Amino acid sequence: MTKTFDKAVTLIRSLPETTQESIGQSMLDTAARHRKLNDQLKRAEAELDAGQGIPAEEVIADLKERHGV
């Protein structure tokens, strides 16, 4: 556990139980979102490594076309 996280947990433990529950649920939700994003990034990186990506030039041209730039 990092020092900052440990400090946060210590502080949270001093708060009322209902507040701890609320913060705990928020932390779980945030951690789940981060895990999902990390998993998506790993899959995307693997696809790019396998040559399955779209060339940057095509992506940029598509964005310019869609957004009138």
C-alpha atoms as a PDB file:
ATOM      1  CA  MET A   1       0.000   0.000   0.000  1.00  0.00           C
ATOM      2  CA  THR A   2       1.341   3.435  -0.854  1.00  0.00           C
ATOM      3  CA  LYS A   3       1.923   5.990   1.881  1.00  0.00           C
ATOM      4  CA  THR A   4      -0.763   8.284   0.472  1.00  0.00           C
ATOM      5  CA  PHE A   5      -3.349   5.516   0.281  1.00  0.00           C
ATOM      6  CA  ASP A   6      -2.447   4.363   3.791  1.00  0.00           C
ATOM      7  CA  LYS A   7      -2.921   7.921   5.083  1.00  0.00           C
ATOM      8  CA  ALA A   8      -6.294   8.124   3.362  1.00  0.00           C
ATOM      9  CA  VAL A   9      -7.463   4.826   4.872  1.00  0.00           C
ATOM     10  CA  THR A  10      -6.338   5.944   8.331  1.00  0.00           C
ATOM     11  CA  LEU A  11      -8.297   9.162   7.972  1.00  0.00           C
ATOM     12  CA  ILE A  12     -11.366   7.390   6.593  1.00  0.00           C
ATOM     13  CA  ARG A  13     -11.351   4.982   9.555  1.00  0.00           C
ATOM     14  CA  SER A  14     -11.836   7.971  11.871  1.00  0.00           C
ATOM     15  CA  LEU A  15     -15.044   8.998  10.107  1.00  0.00           C
ATOM     16  CA  PRO A  16     -18.575   7.822  10.922  1.00  0.00           C
ATOM     17  CA  GLU A  17     -19.467   4.354   9.641  1.00  0.00           C
ATOM     18  CA  THR A  18     -22.005   5.607   7.085  1.00  0.00           C
ATOM     19  CA  THR A  19     -19.397   7.959   5.644  1.00  0.00           C
ATOM     20  CA  GLN A  20     -16.868   5.121   5.526  1.00  0.00           C
ATOM     21  CA  GLU A  21     -19.370   2.983   3.613  1.00  0.00           C
ATOM     22  CA  SER A  22     -20.027   5.767   1.121  1.00  0.00           C
ATOM     23  CA  ILE A  23     -16.337   6.421   0.552  1.00  0.00           C
ATOM     24  CA  GLY A  24     -15.633   2.701   0.344  1.00  0.00           C
ATOM     25  CA  GLN A  25     -18.289   2.237  -2.339  1.00  0.00           C
ATOM     26  CA  SER A  26     -16.890   5.174  -4.295  1.00  0.00           C
ATOM     27  CA  MET A  27     -13.420   3.663  -4.070  1.00  0.00           C
ATOM     28  CA  LEU A  28     -14.686   0.288  -5.302  1.00  0.00           C
ATOM     29  CA  ASP A  29     -16.510   1.927  -8.213  1.00  0.00           C
ATOM     30  CA  THR A  30     -13.435   3.941  -9.164  1.00  0.00           C
ATOM     31  CA  ALA A  31     -11.156   0.906  -8.916  1.00  0.00           C
ATOM     32  CA  ALA A  32     -13.523  -1.118 -11.112  1.00  0.00           C
ATOM     33  CA  ARG A  33     -13.574   1.632 -13.754  1.00  0.00           C
ATOM     34  CA  HIS A  34      -9.771   1.825 -13.715  1.00  0.00           C
ATOM     35  CA  ARG A  35      -9.453  -1.952 -14.019  1.00  0.00           C
ATOM     36  CA  LYS A  36     -11.880  -1.999 -16.964  1.00  0.00           C
ATOM     37  CA  LEU A  37      -9.999   0.825 -18.691  1.00  0.00           C
ATOM     38  CA  ASN A  38      -6.646  -0.902 -18.126  1.00  0.00           C
ATOM     39  CA  ASP A  39      -8.054  -4.123 -19.573  1.00  0.00           C
ATOM     40  CA  GLN A  40      -9.348  -2.245 -22.629  1.00  0.00           C
ATOM     41  CA  LEU A  41      -5.976  -0.571 -23.119  1.00  0.00           C
ATOM     42  CA  LYS A  42      -4.166  -3.915 -22.888  1.00  0.00           C
ATOM     43  CA  ARG A  43      -6.486  -5.426 -25.510  1.00  0.00           C
ATOM     44  CA  ALA A  44      -6.037  -2.402 -27.777  1.00  0.00           C
ATOM     45  CA  GLU A  45      -2.262  -2.568 -27.410  1.00  0.00           C
ATOM     46  CA  ALA A  46      -2.299  -6.273 -28.279  1.00  0.00           C
ATOM     47  CA  GLU A  47      -4.398  -5.530 -31.371  1.00  0.00           C
ATOM     48  CA  LEU A  48      -1.972  -2.826 -32.458  1.00  0.00           C
ATOM     49  CA  ASP A  49       0.983  -5.153 -31.888  1.00  0.00           C
ATOM     50  CA  ALA A  50      -0.788  -7.724 -34.067  1.00  0.00           C
ATOM     51  CA  GLY A  51      -1.179  -5.164 -36.860  1.00  0.00           C
ATOM     52  CA  GLN A  52      -4.931  -4.880 -36.424  1.00  0.00           C
ATOM     53  CA  GLY A  53      -4.996  -1.132 -35.799  1.00  0.00           C
ATOM     54  CA  ILE A  54      -6.119   1.656 -38.085  1.00  0.00           C
ATOM     55  CA  PRO A  55      -3.279   3.816 -39.421  1.00  0.00           C
ATOM     56  CA  ALA A  56      -3.093   7.219 -37.736  1.00  0.00           C
ATOM     57  CA  GLU A  57      -3.504   8.975 -41.084  1.00  0.00           C
ATOM     58  CA  GLU A  58      -6.897   7.310 -41.578  1.00  0.00           C
ATOM     59  CA  VAL A  59      -8.034   8.191 -38.077  1.00  0.00           C
ATOM     60  CA  ILE A  60      -7.027  11.831 -38.521  1.00  0.00           C
ATOM     61  CA  ALA A  61      -8.680  12.063 -41.950  1.00  0.00           C
ATOM     62  CA  ASP A  62     -11.875  10.561 -40.526  1.00  0.00           C
ATOM     63  CA  LEU A  63     -11.899  13.013 -37.602  1.00  0.00           C
ATOM     64  CA  LYS A  64     -11.314  15.958 -39.927  1.00  0.00           C
ATOM     65  CA  GLU A  65     -14.142  14.827 -42.173  1.00  0.00           C
ATOM     66  CA  ARG A  66     -16.592  14.270 -39.326  1.00  0.00           C
ATOM     67  CA  HIS A  67     -15.779  17.510 -37.566  1.00  0.00           C
ATOM     68  CA  GLY A  68     -15.251  19.746 -40.564  1.00  0.00           C
ATOM     69  CA  VAL A  69     -11.678  20.628 -39.777  1.00  0.00           C
END
